[in-house]
Amino acid sequence: MTPLPAASALDQFFLDARARILDVAATLDRLDRGEGTSAGDPRVEKLRKAVLILLEQSSGRAERIQQIFSLEYNPTWPVPKPRY
């Protein structure tokens, strides 16, 4: 599969990416304005860690961010039963 040229990818995805980043910024603003504190909440720490990865100029950001929000594999998880 041939990657999309950078200029084409930017033309195609810029507005969507801008909207998503604004949405994340608005969420962080709501947390800052909220009563009480979210400091120390692991969910907020995950959001902040993900934002830092976004700022890196390297490939694989999506995978690394997905790992932040994923549970580590647990071999004792029950095996799903097929539906018939």
Protein backbone atom coordinates (compact mmCIF):
# COMPACT_ATOMS: atom_id res chain seq x y z
CA MET A 1 0.00 0.00 0.00
CA THR A 2 1.40 3.39 -0.99
CA PRO A 3 1.18 6.09 1.66
CA LEU A 4 -0.81 9.21 0.87
CA PRO A 5 1.46 12.18 0.05
CA ALA A 6 1.82 14.49 3.06
CA ALA A 7 0.20 17.46 1.30
CA SER A 8 -2.81 15.34 0.32
CA ALA A 9 -3.13 13.94 3.84
CA LEU A 10 -3.04 17.46 5.23
CA ASP A 11 -5.70 18.62 2.75
CA GLN A 12 -7.89 15.66 3.60
CA PHE A 13 -7.53 15.45 7.38
CA PHE A 14 -6.59 18.93 8.68
CA LEU A 15 -10.08 20.15 9.60
CA ASP A 16 -10.99 16.88 11.31
CA ALA A 17 -7.73 16.86 13.30
CA ARG A 18 -8.23 20.51 14.27
CA ALA A 19 -11.74 19.75 15.55
CA ARG A 20 -10.53 16.78 17.58
CA ILE A 21 -7.68 18.75 19.14
CA LEU A 22 -10.09 21.56 20.04
CA ASP A 23 -12.37 18.96 21.64
CA VAL A 24 -9.51 17.64 23.80
CA ALA A 25 -8.56 21.21 24.76
CA ALA A 26 -12.16 21.94 25.75
CA THR A 27 -12.26 18.80 27.90
CA LEU A 28 -9.06 19.79 29.70
CA ASP A 29 -10.47 23.31 30.21
CA ARG A 30 -13.64 21.83 31.75
CA LEU A 31 -11.52 19.78 34.14
CA ASP A 32 -9.55 22.87 35.15
CA ARG A 33 -12.73 24.90 35.75
CA GLY A 34 -14.55 22.15 37.62
CA GLU A 35 -15.06 22.21 41.35
CA GLY A 36 -12.70 20.04 43.32
CA THR A 37 -9.57 18.65 41.78
CA SER A 38 -8.76 16.05 39.20
CA ALA A 39 -5.08 16.09 40.14
CA GLY A 40 -3.79 12.60 40.63
CA ASP A 41 -6.71 11.02 38.75
CA PRO A 42 -5.12 8.38 36.50
CA ARG A 43 -7.50 9.25 33.64
CA VAL A 44 -6.27 12.85 33.57
CA GLU A 45 -2.68 11.66 33.73
CA LYS A 46 -3.35 9.42 30.72
CA LEU A 47 -4.80 12.35 28.77
CA ARG A 48 -1.79 14.52 29.56
CA LYS A 49 0.64 11.72 28.66
CA ALA A 50 -1.18 11.22 25.34
CA VAL A 51 -0.97 14.94 24.52
CA LEU A 52 2.79 14.84 25.08
CA ILE A 53 3.09 11.94 22.63
CA LEU A 54 1.10 13.96 20.08
CA LEU A 55 3.79 16.65 20.22
CA GLU A 56 6.58 14.21 19.33
CA GLN A 57 7.81 14.15 15.75
CA SER A 58 8.05 10.41 15.31
CA SER A 59 5.95 7.69 13.80
CA GLY A 60 3.86 5.25 15.80
CA ARG A 61 2.09 7.90 17.90
CA ALA A 62 -1.35 6.35 17.42
CA GLU A 63 -0.15 2.96 18.62
CA ARG A 64 1.64 4.41 21.65
CA ILE A 65 -1.42 6.47 22.62
CA GLN A 66 -3.67 3.42 22.20
CA GLN A 67 -1.39 1.56 24.60
CA ILE A 68 -1.84 4.29 27.21
CA PHE A 69 -5.61 3.72 27.23
CA SER A 70 -5.49 -0.07 26.92
CA LEU A 71 -5.49 -2.65 29.67
CA GLU A 72 -2.43 -4.83 29.89
CA TYR A 73 -3.07 -8.38 28.76
CA ASN A 74 -4.16 -10.69 31.54
CA PRO A 75 -3.81 -14.41 30.75
CA THR A 76 -6.56 -15.21 33.28
CA TRP A 77 -9.23 -13.36 31.26
CA PRO A 78 -12.07 -15.70 30.32
CA VAL A 79 -12.14 -16.89 26.73
CA PRO A 80 -15.18 -15.49 24.92
CA LYS A 81 -17.80 -18.08 24.00
CA PRO A 82 -18.98 -18.14 20.39
CA ARG A 83 -22.50 -16.97 19.66
CA TYR A 84 -24.67 -19.32 17.66
